[in-house]
Amino acid sequence: MKNFTLWRAGTDVFAQIESLSSIFKVSQLAMSIKLNSLGLINQRIVETIKAKSVQHFEKKAREGEEINFYTTYYSRVSMRFIESVIRSAESGDIAYTEAFSLLGGIKGKTYDNIKAEVMPYG
């Protein structure tokens, strides 16, 4: 994207990702993946945020809080976006691996489960 005016080069990357993910109501991981695809951050930052997300979920699991991946996932990713990505993948407009990445780096089995839940008839 040529002109992403909300991004300020040279300032704290992690604080910006946190702020932008709040503005756009997506996870920090989803925001970092998008920023990486726009060429604004590198893959190392995405991996750092991914590791922090995993640590956070593992900590919550150790504390005894029940975490339902799908409930959390649907609260962080737009249903319209999920449907659009799945339709594009199923019609062959984008590769499945790209769809997995766009949907937050999910695996094939998770994609199948989400597809069955979100689009039971297609």
PDB file of N, CA and C in Angstrom:
ATOM      1  N   MET A   1       0.853  -1.168   0.000  1.00  0.00           N
ATOM      2  CA  MET A   1       0.000   0.000   0.000  1.00  0.00           C
ATOM      3  C   MET A   1       0.897   1.228   0.000  1.00  0.00           C
ATOM      4  N   LYS A   2       0.684   2.136  -0.914  1.00  0.00           N
ATOM      5  CA  LYS A   2       1.533   3.303  -1.041  1.00  0.00           C
ATOM      6  C   LYS A   2       1.441   4.243   0.150  1.00  0.00           C
ATOM      7  N   ASN A   3       0.227   4.518   0.589  1.00  0.00           N
ATOM      8  CA  ASN A   3       0.042   5.558   1.588  1.00  0.00           C
ATOM      9  C   ASN A   3      -0.777   5.032   2.759  1.00  0.00           C
ATOM     10  N   PHE A   4      -0.097   4.451   3.712  1.00  0.00           N
ATOM     11  CA  PHE A   4      -0.766   3.964   4.921  1.00  0.00           C
ATOM     12  C   PHE A   4      -0.470   4.986   6.008  1.00  0.00           C
ATOM     13  N   THR A   5      -1.341   5.988   6.131  1.00  0.00           N
ATOM     14  CA  THR A   5      -1.057   7.159   6.962  1.00  0.00           C
ATOM     15  C   THR A   5      -1.058   6.870   8.460  1.00  0.00           C
ATOM     16  N   LEU A   6      -1.613   5.758   8.894  1.00  0.00           N
ATOM     17  CA  LEU A   6      -1.617   5.439  10.317  1.00  0.00           C
ATOM     18  C   LEU A   6      -0.277   4.880  10.781  1.00  0.00           C
ATOM     19  N   TRP A   7       0.558   4.455   9.861  1.00  0.00           N
ATOM     20  CA  TRP A   7       1.848   3.863  10.213  1.00  0.00           C
ATOM     21  C   TRP A   7       2.913   4.950  10.276  1.00  0.00           C
ATOM     22  N   ARG A   8       3.642   4.962  11.371  1.00  0.00           N
ATOM     23  CA  ARG A   8       4.710   5.944  11.573  1.00  0.00           C
ATOM     24  C   ARG A   8       6.053   5.222  11.619  1.00  0.00           C
ATOM     25  N   ALA A   9       6.813   5.320  10.555  1.00  0.00           N
ATOM     26  CA  ALA A   9       8.130   4.686  10.500  1.00  0.00           C
ATOM     27  C   ALA A   9       9.030   5.314  11.556  1.00  0.00           C
ATOM     28  N   GLY A  10       9.851   4.487  12.190  1.00  0.00           N
ATOM     29  CA  GLY A  10      10.808   4.985  13.169  1.00  0.00           C
ATOM     30  C   GLY A  10      10.287   5.057  14.588  1.00  0.00           C
ATOM     31  N   THR A  11       9.031   4.708  14.810  1.00  0.00           N
ATOM     32  CA  THR A  11       8.503   4.684  16.172  1.00  0.00           C
ATOM     33  C   THR A  11       8.354   3.235  16.621  1.00  0.00           C
ATOM     34  N   ASP A  12       7.988   3.038  17.878  1.00  0.00           N
ATOM     35  CA  ASP A  12       7.897   1.690  18.457  1.00  0.00           C
ATOM     36  C   ASP A  12       6.920   0.822  17.657  1.00  0.00           C
ATOM     37  N   VAL A  13       7.460  -0.169  16.979  1.00  0.00           N
ATOM     38  CA  VAL A  13       6.682  -1.044  16.099  1.00  0.00           C
ATOM     39  C   VAL A  13       5.609  -1.802  16.890  1.00  0.00           C
ATOM     40  N   PHE A  14       5.985  -2.355  18.034  1.00  0.00           N
ATOM     41  CA  PHE A  14       5.057  -3.185  18.801  1.00  0.00           C
ATOM     42  C   PHE A  14       3.899  -2.357  19.366  1.00  0.00           C
ATOM     43  N   ALA A  15       4.181  -1.139  19.797  1.00  0.00           N
ATOM     44  CA  ALA A  15       3.125  -0.247  20.292  1.00  0.00           C
ATOM     45  C   ALA A  15       2.172   0.128  19.159  1.00  0.00           C
ATOM     46  N   GLN A  16       2.725   0.365  17.977  1.00  0.00           N
ATOM     47  CA  GLN A  16       1.882   0.699  16.826  1.00  0.00           C
ATOM     48  C   GLN A  16       0.989  -0.475  16.430  1.00  0.00           C
ATOM     49  N   ILE A  17       1.553  -1.674  16.458  1.00  0.00           N
ATOM     50  CA  ILE A  17       0.764  -2.858  16.109  1.00  0.00           C
ATOM     51  C   ILE A  17      -0.363  -3.036  17.119  1.00  0.00           C
ATOM     52  N   GLU A  18      -0.059  -2.843  18.397  1.00  0.00           N
ATOM     53  CA  GLU A  18      -1.086  -2.947  19.434  1.00  0.00           C
ATOM     54  C   GLU A  18      -2.193  -1.915  19.198  1.00  0.00           C
ATOM     55  N   SER A  19      -1.806  -0.703  18.890  1.00  0.00           N
ATOM     56  CA  SER A  19      -2.776   0.362  18.653  1.00  0.00           C
ATOM     57  C   SER A  19      -3.628   0.094  17.408  1.00  0.00           C
ATOM     58  N   LEU A  20      -2.962  -0.276  16.316  1.00  0.00           N
ATOM     59  CA  LEU A  20      -3.689  -0.541  15.069  1.00  0.00           C
ATOM     60  C   LEU A  20      -4.619  -1.743  15.191  1.00  0.00           C
ATOM     61  N   SER A  21      -4.176  -2.779  15.906  1.00  0.00           N
ATOM     62  CA  SER A  21      -5.035  -3.958  16.060  1.00  0.00           C
ATOM     63  C   SER A  21      -6.287  -3.592  16.852  1.00  0.00           C
ATOM     64  N   SER A  22      -6.153  -2.653  17.767  1.00  0.00           N
ATOM     65  CA  SER A  22      -7.313  -2.182  18.528  1.00  0.00           C
ATOM     66  C   SER A  22      -8.240  -1.361  17.636  1.00  0.00           C
ATOM     67  N   ILE A  23      -7.659  -0.504  16.824  1.00  0.00           N
ATOM     68  CA  ILE A  23      -8.463   0.338  15.912  1.00  0.00           C
ATOM     69  C   ILE A  23      -9.250  -0.524  14.931  1.00  0.00           C
ATOM     70  N   PHE A  24      -8.589  -1.517  14.338  1.00  0.00           N
ATOM     71  CA  PHE A  24      -9.224  -2.346  13.315  1.00  0.00           C
ATOM     72  C   PHE A  24      -9.908  -3.591  13.885  1.00  0.00           C
ATOM     73  N   LYS A  25      -9.827  -3.743  15.218  1.00  0.00           N
ATOM     74  CA  LYS A  25     -10.488  -4.847  15.917  1.00  0.00           C
ATOM     75  C   LYS A  25     -10.061  -6.210  15.369  1.00  0.00           C
ATOM     76  N   VAL A  26      -8.749  -6.377  15.256  1.00  0.00           N
ATOM     77  CA  VAL A  26      -8.166  -7.651  14.851  1.00  0.00           C
ATOM     78  C   VAL A  26      -7.063  -7.989  15.847  1.00  0.00           C
ATOM     79  N   SER A  27      -6.599  -9.209  15.817  1.00  0.00           N
ATOM     80  CA  SER A  27      -5.513  -9.601  16.715  1.00  0.00           C
ATOM     81  C   SER A  27      -4.218  -8.913  16.294  1.00  0.00           C
ATOM     82  N   GLN A  28      -3.292  -8.847  17.232  1.00  0.00           N
ATOM     83  CA  GLN A  28      -1.988  -8.272  16.908  1.00  0.00           C
ATOM     84  C   GLN A  28      -1.279  -9.130  15.869  1.00  0.00           C
ATOM     85  N   LEU A  29      -1.493 -10.443  15.931  1.00  0.00           N
ATOM     86  CA  LEU A  29      -0.883 -11.327  14.939  1.00  0.00           C
ATOM     87  C   LEU A  29      -1.441 -11.036  13.546  1.00  0.00           C
ATOM     88  N   ALA A  30      -2.764 -10.901  13.444  1.00  0.00           N
ATOM     89  CA  ALA A  30      -3.377 -10.604  12.145  1.00  0.00           C
ATOM     90  C   ALA A  30      -2.864  -9.266  11.613  1.00  0.00           C
ATOM     91  N   MET A  31      -2.766  -8.281  12.494  1.00  0.00           N
ATOM     92  CA  MET A  31      -2.270  -6.968  12.074  1.00  0.00           C
ATOM     93  C   MET A  31      -0.820  -7.060  11.622  1.00  0.00           C
ATOM     94  N   SER A  32       0.002  -7.823  12.342  1.00  0.00           N
ATOM     95  CA  SER A  32       1.410  -7.929  11.951  1.00  0.00           C
ATOM     96  C   SER A  32       1.561  -8.645  10.611  1.00  0.00           C
ATOM     97  N   ILE A  33       0.732  -9.647  10.372  1.00  0.00           N
ATOM     98  CA  ILE A  33       0.777 -10.348   9.080  1.00  0.00           C
ATOM     99  C   ILE A  33       0.421  -9.391   7.948  1.00  0.00           C
ATOM    100  N   LYS A  34      -0.606  -8.578   8.171  1.00  0.00           N
ATOM    101  CA  LYS A  34      -1.015  -7.611   7.147  1.00  0.00           C
ATOM    102  C   LYS A  34       0.079  -6.575   6.906  1.00  0.00           C
ATOM    103  N   LEU A  35       0.654  -6.053   7.987  1.00  0.00           N
ATOM    104  CA  LEU A  35       1.724  -5.061   7.843  1.00  0.00           C
ATOM    105  C   LEU A  35       2.934  -5.659   7.132  1.00  0.00           C
ATOM    106  N   ASN A  36       3.205  -6.930   7.392  1.00  0.00           N
ATOM    107  CA  ASN A  36       4.298  -7.615   6.707  1.00  0.00           C
ATOM    108  C   ASN A  36       3.998  -7.730   5.216  1.00  0.00           C
ATOM    109  N   SER A  37       2.757  -8.059   4.886  1.00  0.00           N
ATOM    110  CA  SER A  37       2.400  -8.190   3.463  1.00  0.00           C
ATOM    111  C   SER A  37       2.457  -6.843   2.745  1.00  0.00           C
ATOM    112  N   LEU A  38       2.308  -5.745   3.509  1.00  0.00           N
ATOM    113  CA  LEU A  38       2.418  -4.403   2.921  1.00  0.00           C
ATOM    114  C   LEU A  38       3.871  -3.925   2.866  1.00  0.00           C
ATOM    115  N   GLY A  39       4.776  -4.721   3.434  1.00  0.00           N
ATOM    116  CA  GLY A  39       6.186  -4.362   3.418  1.00  0.00           C
ATOM    117  C   GLY A  39       6.580  -3.345   4.478  1.00  0.00           C
ATOM    118  N   LEU A  40       5.736  -3.166   5.486  1.00  0.00           N
ATOM    119  CA  LEU A  40       6.024  -2.178   6.526  1.00  0.00           C
ATOM    120  C   LEU A  40       6.826  -2.747   7.695  1.00  0.00           C
ATOM    121  N   ILE A  41       6.746  -4.065   7.912  1.00  0.00           N
ATOM    122  CA  ILE A  41       7.535  -4.720   8.951  1.00  0.00           C
ATOM    123  C   ILE A  41       8.117  -6.004   8.357  1.00  0.00           C
ATOM    124  N   ASN A  42       9.104  -6.562   9.036  1.00  0.00           N
ATOM    125  CA  ASN A  42       9.714  -7.787   8.515  1.00  0.00           C
ATOM    126  C   ASN A  42       9.132  -9.031   9.205  1.00  0.00           C
ATOM    127  N   GLN A  43       9.479 -10.180   8.677  1.00  0.00           N
ATOM    128  CA  GLN A  43       8.953 -11.457   9.168  1.00  0.00           C
ATOM    129  C   GLN A  43       9.384 -11.735  10.604  1.00  0.00           C
ATOM    130  N   ARG A  44      10.544 -11.245  10.994  1.00  0.00           N
ATOM    131  CA  ARG A  44      11.043 -11.449  12.359  1.00  0.00           C
ATOM    132  C   ARG A  44      10.071 -10.844  13.391  1.00  0.00           C
ATOM    133  N   ILE A  45       9.515  -9.693  13.084  1.00  0.00           N
ATOM    134  CA  ILE A  45       8.549  -9.056  13.997  1.00  0.00           C
ATOM    135  C   ILE A  45       7.279  -9.887  14.068  1.00  0.00           C
ATOM    136  N   VAL A  46       6.829 -10.413  12.926  1.00  0.00           N
ATOM    137  CA  VAL A  46       5.643 -11.280  12.912  1.00  0.00           C
ATOM    138  C   VAL A  46       5.883 -12.500  13.794  1.00  0.00           C
ATOM    139  N   GLU A  47       7.051 -13.101  13.666  1.00  0.00           N
ATOM    140  CA  GLU A  47       7.376 -14.288  14.464  1.00  0.00           C
ATOM    141  C   GLU A  47       7.439 -13.953  15.953  1.00  0.00           C
ATOM    142  N   THR A  48       7.937 -12.777  16.296  1.00  0.00           N
ATOM    143  CA  THR A  48       7.989 -12.348  17.696  1.00  0.00           C
ATOM    144  C   THR A  48       6.582 -12.209  18.263  1.00  0.00           C
ATOM    145  N   ILE A  49       5.694 -11.591  17.505  1.00  0.00           N
ATOM    146  CA  ILE A  49       4.315 -11.414  17.958  1.00  0.00           C
ATOM    147  C   ILE A  49       3.607 -12.761  18.043  1.00  0.00           C
ATOM    148  N   LYS A  50       3.885 -13.643  17.110  1.00  0.00           N
ATOM    149  CA  LYS A  50       3.297 -14.980  17.141  1.00  0.00           C
ATOM    150  C   LYS A  50       3.736 -15.716  18.403  1.00  0.00           C
ATOM    151  N   ALA A  51       5.017 -15.628  18.729  1.00  0.00           N
ATOM    152  CA  ALA A  51       5.537 -16.284  19.932  1.00  0.00           C
ATOM    153  C   ALA A  51       4.903 -15.702  21.198  1.00  0.00           C
ATOM    154  N   LYS A  52       4.736 -14.389  21.236  1.00  0.00           N
ATOM    155  CA  LYS A  52       4.089 -13.750  22.391  1.00  0.00           C
ATOM    156  C   LYS A  52       2.634 -14.209  22.522  1.00  0.00           C
ATOM    157  N   SER A  53       1.943 -14.369  21.396  1.00  0.00           N
ATOM    158  CA  SER A  53       0.561 -14.840  21.418  1.00  0.00           C
ATOM    159  C   SER A  53       0.476 -16.255  21.972  1.00  0.00           C
ATOM    160  N   VAL A  54       1.382 -17.107  21.532  1.00  0.00           N
ATOM    161  CA  VAL A  54       1.413 -18.487  22.019  1.00  0.00           C
ATOM    162  C   VAL A  54       1.696 -18.506  23.516  1.00  0.00           C
ATOM    163  N   GLN A  55       2.652 -17.705  23.958  1.00  0.00           N
ATOM    164  CA  GLN A  55       2.971 -17.625  25.390  1.00  0.00           C
ATOM    165  C   GLN A  55       1.760 -17.167  26.187  1.00  0.00           C
ATOM    166  N   HIS A  56       1.048 -16.192  25.657  1.00  0.00           N
ATOM    167  CA  HIS A  56      -0.141 -15.678  26.344  1.00  0.00           C
ATOM    168  C   HIS A  56      -1.198 -16.775  26.500  1.00  0.00           C
ATOM    169  N   PHE A  57      -1.469 -17.508  25.426  1.00  0.00           N
ATOM    170  CA  PHE A  57      -2.462 -18.581  25.490  1.00  0.00           C
ATOM    171  C   PHE A  57      -2.015 -19.700  26.422  1.00  0.00           C
ATOM    172  N   GLU A  58      -0.735 -20.038  26.370  1.00  0.00           N
ATOM    173  CA  GLU A  58      -0.231 -21.086  27.268  1.00  0.00           C
ATOM    174  C   GLU A  58      -0.321 -20.655  28.726  1.00  0.00           C
ATOM    175  N   LYS A  59      -0.043 -19.396  29.004  1.00  0.00           N
ATOM    176  CA  LYS A  59      -0.142 -18.873  30.368  1.00  0.00           C
ATOM    177  C   LYS A  59      -1.588 -18.954  30.852  1.00  0.00           C
ATOM    178  N   LYS A  60      -2.519 -18.562  30.003  1.00  0.00           N
ATOM    179  CA  LYS A  60      -3.941 -18.631  30.372  1.00  0.00           C
ATOM    180  C   LYS A  60      -4.359 -20.069  30.626  1.00  0.00           C
ATOM    181  N   ALA A  61      -3.844 -20.986  29.823  1.00  0.00           N
ATOM    182  CA  ALA A  61      -4.179 -22.401  30.001  1.00  0.00           C
ATOM    183  C   ALA A  61      -3.629 -22.928  31.326  1.00  0.00           C
ATOM    184  N   ARG A  62      -2.417 -22.524  31.674  1.00  0.00           N
ATOM    185  CA  ARG A  62      -1.820 -22.946  32.949  1.00  0.00           C
ATOM    186  C   ARG A  62      -2.584 -22.376  34.136  1.00  0.00           C
ATOM    187  N   GLU A  63      -3.137 -21.186  33.974  1.00  0.00           N
ATOM    188  CA  GLU A  63      -3.883 -20.552  35.056  1.00  0.00           C
ATOM    189  C   GLU A  63      -5.263 -21.170  35.223  1.00  0.00           C
ATOM    190  N   GLY A  64      -5.607 -22.082  34.345  1.00  0.00           N
ATOM    191  CA  GLY A  64      -6.859 -22.799  34.476  1.00  0.00           C
ATOM    192  C   GLY A  64      -8.025 -22.193  33.725  1.00  0.00           C
ATOM    193  N   GLU A  65      -7.781 -21.107  33.013  1.00  0.00           N
ATOM    194  CA  GLU A  65      -8.861 -20.518  32.236  1.00  0.00           C
ATOM    195  C   GLU A  65      -9.072 -21.356  30.985  1.00  0.00           C
ATOM    196  N   GLU A  66     -10.306 -21.675  30.733  1.00  0.00           N
ATOM    197  CA  GLU A  66     -10.612 -22.455  29.537  1.00  0.00           C
ATOM    198  C   GLU A  66     -10.580 -21.531  28.321  1.00  0.00           C
ATOM    199  N   ILE A  67      -9.827 -21.935  27.343  1.00  0.00           N
ATOM    200  CA  ILE A  67      -9.717 -21.137  26.127  1.00  0.00           C
ATOM    201  C   ILE A  67     -10.319 -21.938  24.987  1.00  0.00           C
ATOM    202  N   ASN A  68     -11.310 -21.376  24.361  1.00  0.00           N
ATOM    203  CA  ASN A  68     -11.901 -21.994  23.190  1.00  0.00           C
ATOM    204  C   ASN A  68     -11.336 -21.266  21.978  1.00  0.00           C
ATOM    205  N   PHE A  69     -10.502 -21.952  21.220  1.00  0.00           N
ATOM    206  CA  PHE A  69      -9.836 -21.331  20.080  1.00  0.00           C
ATOM    207  C   PHE A  69     -10.840 -20.681  19.135  1.00  0.00           C
ATOM    208  N   TYR A  70     -11.905 -21.378  18.802  1.00  0.00           N
ATOM    209  CA  TYR A  70     -12.831 -20.875  17.796  1.00  0.00           C
ATOM    210  C   TYR A  70     -13.592 -19.642  18.282  1.00  0.00           C
ATOM    211  N   THR A  71     -13.999 -19.632  19.550  1.00  0.00           N
ATOM    212  CA  THR A  71     -14.678 -18.460  20.094  1.00  0.00           C
ATOM    213  C   THR A  71     -13.742 -17.259  20.049  1.00  0.00           C
ATOM    214  N   THR A  72     -12.516 -17.469  20.477  1.00  0.00           N
ATOM    215  CA  THR A  72     -11.526 -16.396  20.447  1.00  0.00           C
ATOM    216  C   THR A  72     -11.258 -15.964  19.011  1.00  0.00           C
ATOM    217  N   TYR A  73     -11.110 -16.927  18.128  1.00  0.00           N
ATOM    218  CA  TYR A  73     -10.813 -16.634  16.728  1.00  0.00           C
ATOM    219  C   TYR A  73     -11.914 -15.791  16.098  1.00  0.00           C
ATOM    220  N   TYR A  74     -13.170 -16.200  16.285  1.00  0.00           N
ATOM    221  CA  TYR A  74     -14.281 -15.475  15.678  1.00  0.00           C
ATOM    222  C   TYR A  74     -14.455 -14.080  16.270  1.00  0.00           C
ATOM    223  N   SER A  75     -14.002 -13.887  17.509  1.00  0.00           N
ATOM    224  CA  SER A  75     -14.102 -12.558  18.102  1.00  0.00           C
ATOM    225  C   SER A  75     -13.024 -11.620  17.572  1.00  0.00           C
ATOM    226  N   ARG A  76     -11.983 -12.171  16.969  1.00  0.00           N
ATOM    227  CA  ARG A  76     -10.862 -11.354  16.500  1.00  0.00           C
ATOM    228  C   ARG A  76     -10.816 -11.171  14.990  1.00  0.00           C
ATOM    229  N   VAL A  77     -11.504 -12.030  14.265  1.00  0.00           N
ATOM    230  CA  VAL A  77     -11.455 -11.963  12.803  1.00  0.00           C
ATOM    231  C   VAL A  77     -12.879 -11.766  12.283  1.00  0.00           C
ATOM    232  N   SER A  78     -13.042 -10.833  11.392  1.00  0.00           N
ATOM    233  CA  SER A  78     -14.351 -10.508  10.829  1.00  0.00           C
ATOM    234  C   SER A  78     -14.947 -11.705  10.079  1.00  0.00           C
ATOM    235  N   MET A  79     -16.205 -11.998  10.360  1.00  0.00           N
ATOM    236  CA  MET A  79     -16.899 -13.088   9.668  1.00  0.00           C
ATOM    237  C   MET A  79     -16.945 -12.832   8.165  1.00  0.00           C
ATOM    238  N   ARG A  80     -17.166 -11.599   7.787  1.00  0.00           N
ATOM    239  CA  ARG A  80     -17.226 -11.255   6.365  1.00  0.00           C
ATOM    240  C   ARG A  80     -15.871 -11.520   5.707  1.00  0.00           C
ATOM    241  N   PHE A  81     -14.782 -11.190   6.420  1.00  0.00           N
ATOM    242  CA  PHE A  81     -13.441 -11.442   5.900  1.00  0.00           C
ATOM    243  C   PHE A  81     -13.193 -12.936   5.759  1.00  0.00           C
ATOM    244  N   ILE A  82     -13.566 -13.699   6.781  1.00  0.00           N
ATOM    245  CA  ILE A  82     -13.395 -15.159   6.746  1.00  0.00           C
ATOM    246  C   ILE A  82     -14.137 -15.742   5.552  1.00  0.00           C
ATOM    247  N   GLU A  83     -15.396 -15.346   5.385  1.00  0.00           N
ATOM    248  CA  GLU A  83     -16.204 -15.859   4.269  1.00  0.00           C
ATOM    249  C   GLU A  83     -15.580 -15.500   2.929  1.00  0.00           C
ATOM    250  N   SER A  84     -15.104 -14.271   2.808  1.00  0.00           N
ATOM    251  CA  SER A  84     -14.495 -13.822   1.563  1.00  0.00           C
ATOM    252  C   SER A  84     -13.242 -14.626   1.225  1.00  0.00           C
ATOM    253  N   VAL A  85     -12.401 -14.848   2.213  1.00  0.00           N
ATOM    254  CA  VAL A  85     -11.171 -15.621   1.989  1.00  0.00           C
ATOM    255  C   VAL A  85     -11.516 -17.057   1.613  1.00  0.00           C
ATOM    256  N   ILE A  86     -12.459 -17.654   2.321  1.00  0.00           N
ATOM    257  CA  ILE A  86     -12.844 -19.040   2.020  1.00  0.00           C
ATOM    258  C   ILE A  86     -13.432 -19.142   0.618  1.00  0.00           C
ATOM    259  N   ARG A  87     -14.302 -18.223   0.255  1.00  0.00           N
ATOM    260  CA  ARG A  87     -14.870 -18.242  -1.100  1.00  0.00           C
ATOM    261  C   ARG A  87     -13.784 -18.122  -2.164  1.00  0.00           C
ATOM    262  N   SER A  88     -12.833 -17.222  -1.924  1.00  0.00           N
ATOM    263  CA  SER A  88     -11.737 -17.033  -2.882  1.00  0.00           C
ATOM    264  C   SER A  88     -10.894 -18.298  -3.011  1.00  0.00           C
ATOM    265  N   ALA A  89     -10.623 -18.946  -1.890  1.00  0.00           N
ATOM    266  CA  ALA A  89      -9.826 -20.181  -1.924  1.00  0.00           C
ATOM    267  C   ALA A  89     -10.587 -21.296  -2.621  1.00  0.00           C
ATOM    268  N   GLU A  90     -11.851 -21.433  -2.294  1.00  0.00           N
ATOM    269  CA  GLU A  90     -12.651 -22.516  -2.868  1.00  0.00           C
ATOM    270  C   GLU A  90     -12.886 -22.319  -4.368  1.00  0.00           C
ATOM    271  N   SER A  91     -12.925 -21.061  -4.814  1.00  0.00           N
ATOM    272  CA  SER A  91     -13.132 -20.809  -6.246  1.00  0.00           C
ATOM    273  C   SER A  91     -11.818 -20.842  -7.030  1.00  0.00           C
ATOM    274  N   GLY A  92     -10.701 -20.942  -6.311  1.00  0.00           N
ATOM    275  CA  GLY A  92      -9.408 -21.011  -6.972  1.00  0.00           C
ATOM    276  C   GLY A  92      -8.771 -19.663  -7.243  1.00  0.00           C
ATOM    277  N   ASP A  93      -9.376 -18.587  -6.744  1.00  0.00           N
ATOM    278  CA  ASP A  93      -8.810 -17.253  -6.954  1.00  0.00           C
ATOM    279  C   ASP A  93      -7.510 -17.054  -6.175  1.00  0.00           C
ATOM    280  N   ILE A  94      -7.415 -17.692  -5.016  1.00  0.00           N
ATOM    281  CA  ILE A  94      -6.168 -17.647  -4.240  1.00  0.00           C
ATOM    282  C   ILE A  94      -5.816 -19.076  -3.828  1.00  0.00           C
ATOM    283  N   ALA A  95      -4.548 -19.301  -3.567  1.00  0.00           N
ATOM    284  CA  ALA A  95      -4.088 -20.629  -3.139  1.00  0.00           C
ATOM    285  C   ALA A  95      -4.528 -20.879  -1.695  1.00  0.00           C
ATOM    286  N   TYR A  96      -4.688 -22.138  -1.351  1.00  0.00           N
ATOM    287  CA  TYR A  96      -5.074 -22.483   0.020  1.00  0.00           C
ATOM    288  C   TYR A  96      -4.024 -21.997   1.020  1.00  0.00           C
ATOM    289  N   THR A  97      -2.758 -22.103   0.649  1.00  0.00           N
ATOM    290  CA  THR A  97      -1.715 -21.653   1.576  1.00  0.00           C
ATOM    291  C   THR A  97      -1.829 -20.155   1.851  1.00  0.00           C
ATOM    292  N   GLU A  98      -2.210 -19.400   0.840  1.00  0.00           N
ATOM    293  CA  GLU A  98      -2.426 -17.961   1.044  1.00  0.00           C
ATOM    294  C   GLU A  98      -3.645 -17.726   1.929  1.00  0.00           C
ATOM    295  N   ALA A  99      -4.690 -18.512   1.728  1.00  0.00           N
ATOM    296  CA  ALA A  99      -5.886 -18.399   2.570  1.00  0.00           C
ATOM    297  C   ALA A  99      -5.539 -18.712   4.022  1.00  0.00           C
ATOM    298  N   PHE A 100      -4.749 -19.762   4.239  1.00  0.00           N
ATOM    299  CA  PHE A 100      -4.342 -20.118   5.611  1.00  0.00           C
ATOM    300  C   PHE A 100      -3.596 -18.952   6.253  1.00  0.00           C
ATOM    301  N   SER A 101      -2.719 -18.330   5.492  1.00  0.00           N
ATOM    302  CA  SER A 101      -1.941 -17.196   5.997  1.00  0.00           C
ATOM    303  C   SER A 101      -2.843 -15.997   6.293  1.00  0.00           C
ATOM    304  N   LEU A 102      -3.739 -15.685   5.378  1.00  0.00           N
ATOM    305  CA  LEU A 102      -4.659 -14.554   5.578  1.00  0.00           C
ATOM    306  C   LEU A 102      -5.561 -14.756   6.789  1.00  0.00           C
ATOM    307  N   LEU A 103      -5.868 -16.001   7.075  1.00  0.00           N
ATOM    308  CA  LEU A 103      -6.739 -16.297   8.212  1.00  0.00           C
ATOM    309  C   LEU A 103      -5.948 -16.480   9.506  1.00  0.00           C
ATOM    310  N   GLY A 104      -4.736 -15.994   9.525  1.00  0.00           N
ATOM    311  CA  GLY A 104      -3.960 -15.996  10.762  1.00  0.00           C
ATOM    312  C   GLY A 104      -2.958 -17.122  10.885  1.00  0.00           C
ATOM    313  N   GLY A 105      -2.578 -17.709   9.770  1.00  0.00           N
ATOM    314  CA  GLY A 105      -1.582 -18.773   9.817  1.00  0.00           C
ATOM    315  C   GLY A 105      -2.139 -20.095  10.329  1.00  0.00           C
ATOM    316  N   ILE A 106      -3.411 -20.352  10.045  1.00  0.00           N
ATOM    317  CA  ILE A 106      -4.047 -21.584  10.526  1.00  0.00           C
ATOM    318  C   ILE A 106      -3.603 -22.783   9.700  1.00  0.00           C
ATOM    319  N   LYS A 107      -3.894 -23.968  10.183  1.00  0.00           N
ATOM    320  CA  LYS A 107      -3.578 -25.222   9.499  1.00  0.00           C
ATOM    321  C   LYS A 107      -4.778 -25.677   8.668  1.00  0.00           C
ATOM    322  N   GLY A 108      -4.565 -26.667   7.838  1.00  0.00           N
ATOM    323  CA  GLY A 108      -5.615 -27.171   6.953  1.00  0.00           C
ATOM    324  C   GLY A 108      -6.838 -27.687   7.694  1.00  0.00           C
ATOM    325  N   LYS A 109      -6.624 -28.441   8.766  1.00  0.00           N
ATOM    326  CA  LYS A 109      -7.749 -28.995   9.530  1.00  0.00           C
ATOM    327  C   LYS A 109      -8.569 -27.871  10.171  1.00  0.00           C
ATOM    328  N   THR A 110      -7.888 -26.846  10.684  1.00  0.00           N
ATOM    329  CA  THR A 110      -8.580 -25.700  11.269  1.00  0.00           C
ATOM    330  C   THR A 110      -9.390 -24.982  10.198  1.00  0.00           C
ATOM    331  N   TYR A 111      -8.806 -24.832   9.004  1.00  0.00           N
ATOM    332  CA  TYR A 111      -9.513 -24.218   7.878  1.00  0.00           C
ATOM    333  C   TYR A 111     -10.793 -24.995   7.576  1.00  0.00           C
ATOM    334  N   ASP A 112     -10.686 -26.315   7.530  1.00  0.00           N
ATOM    335  CA  ASP A 112     -11.865 -27.149   7.261  1.00  0.00           C
ATOM    336  C   ASP A 112     -12.940 -26.956   8.327  1.00  0.00           C
ATOM    337  N   ASN A 113     -12.532 -26.887   9.589  1.00  0.00           N
ATOM    338  CA  ASN A 113     -13.496 -26.680  10.681  1.00  0.00           C
ATOM    339  C   ASN A 113     -14.167 -25.318  10.578  1.00  0.00           C
ATOM    340  N   ILE A 114     -13.384 -24.291  10.298  1.00  0.00           N
ATOM    341  CA  ILE A 114     -13.938 -22.930  10.165  1.00  0.00           C
ATOM    342  C   ILE A 114     -14.879 -22.878   8.964  1.00  0.00           C
ATOM    343  N   LYS A 115     -14.466 -23.483   7.868  1.00  0.00           N
ATOM    344  CA  LYS A 115     -15.288 -23.494   6.651  1.00  0.00           C
ATOM    345  C   LYS A 115     -16.631 -24.184   6.936  1.00  0.00           C
ATOM    346  N   ALA A 116     -16.601 -25.314   7.633  1.00  0.00           N
ATOM    347  CA  ALA A 116     -17.839 -26.034   7.948  1.00  0.00           C
ATOM    348  C   ALA A 116     -18.744 -25.204   8.845  1.00  0.00           C
ATOM    349  N   GLU A 117     -18.148 -24.445   9.757  1.00  0.00           N
ATOM    350  CA  GLU A 117     -18.939 -23.627  10.689  1.00  0.00           C
ATOM    351  C   GLU A 117     -19.499 -22.382  10.015  1.00  0.00           C
ATOM    352  N   VAL A 118     -18.665 -21.709   9.235  1.00  0.00           N
ATOM    353  CA  VAL A 118     -19.038 -20.432   8.644  1.00  0.00           C
ATOM    354  C   VAL A 118     -19.889 -20.602   7.383  1.00  0.00           C
ATOM    355  N   MET A 119     -19.568 -21.608   6.593  1.00  0.00           N
ATOM    356  CA  MET A 119     -20.256 -21.805   5.316  1.00  0.00           C
ATOM    357  C   MET A 119     -20.722 -23.261   5.203  1.00  0.00           C
ATOM    358  N   PRO A 120     -21.714 -23.647   5.977  1.00  0.00           N
ATOM    359  CA  PRO A 120     -22.108 -25.065   5.994  1.00  0.00           C
ATOM    360  C   PRO A 120     -22.652 -25.585   4.665  1.00  0.00           C
ATOM    361  N   TYR A 121     -23.077 -24.683   3.768  1.00  0.00           N
ATOM    362  CA  TYR A 121     -23.654 -25.143   2.501  1.00  0.00           C
ATOM    363  C   TYR A 121     -22.804 -24.799   1.301  1.00  0.00           C
ATOM    364  N   GLY A 122     -21.590 -24.399   1.519  1.00  0.00           N
ATOM    365  CA  GLY A 122     -20.818 -24.048   0.330  1.00  0.00           C
ATOM    366  C   GLY A 122     -19.437 -23.786   0.648  1.00  0.00           C
TER     367      GLY A 122
END
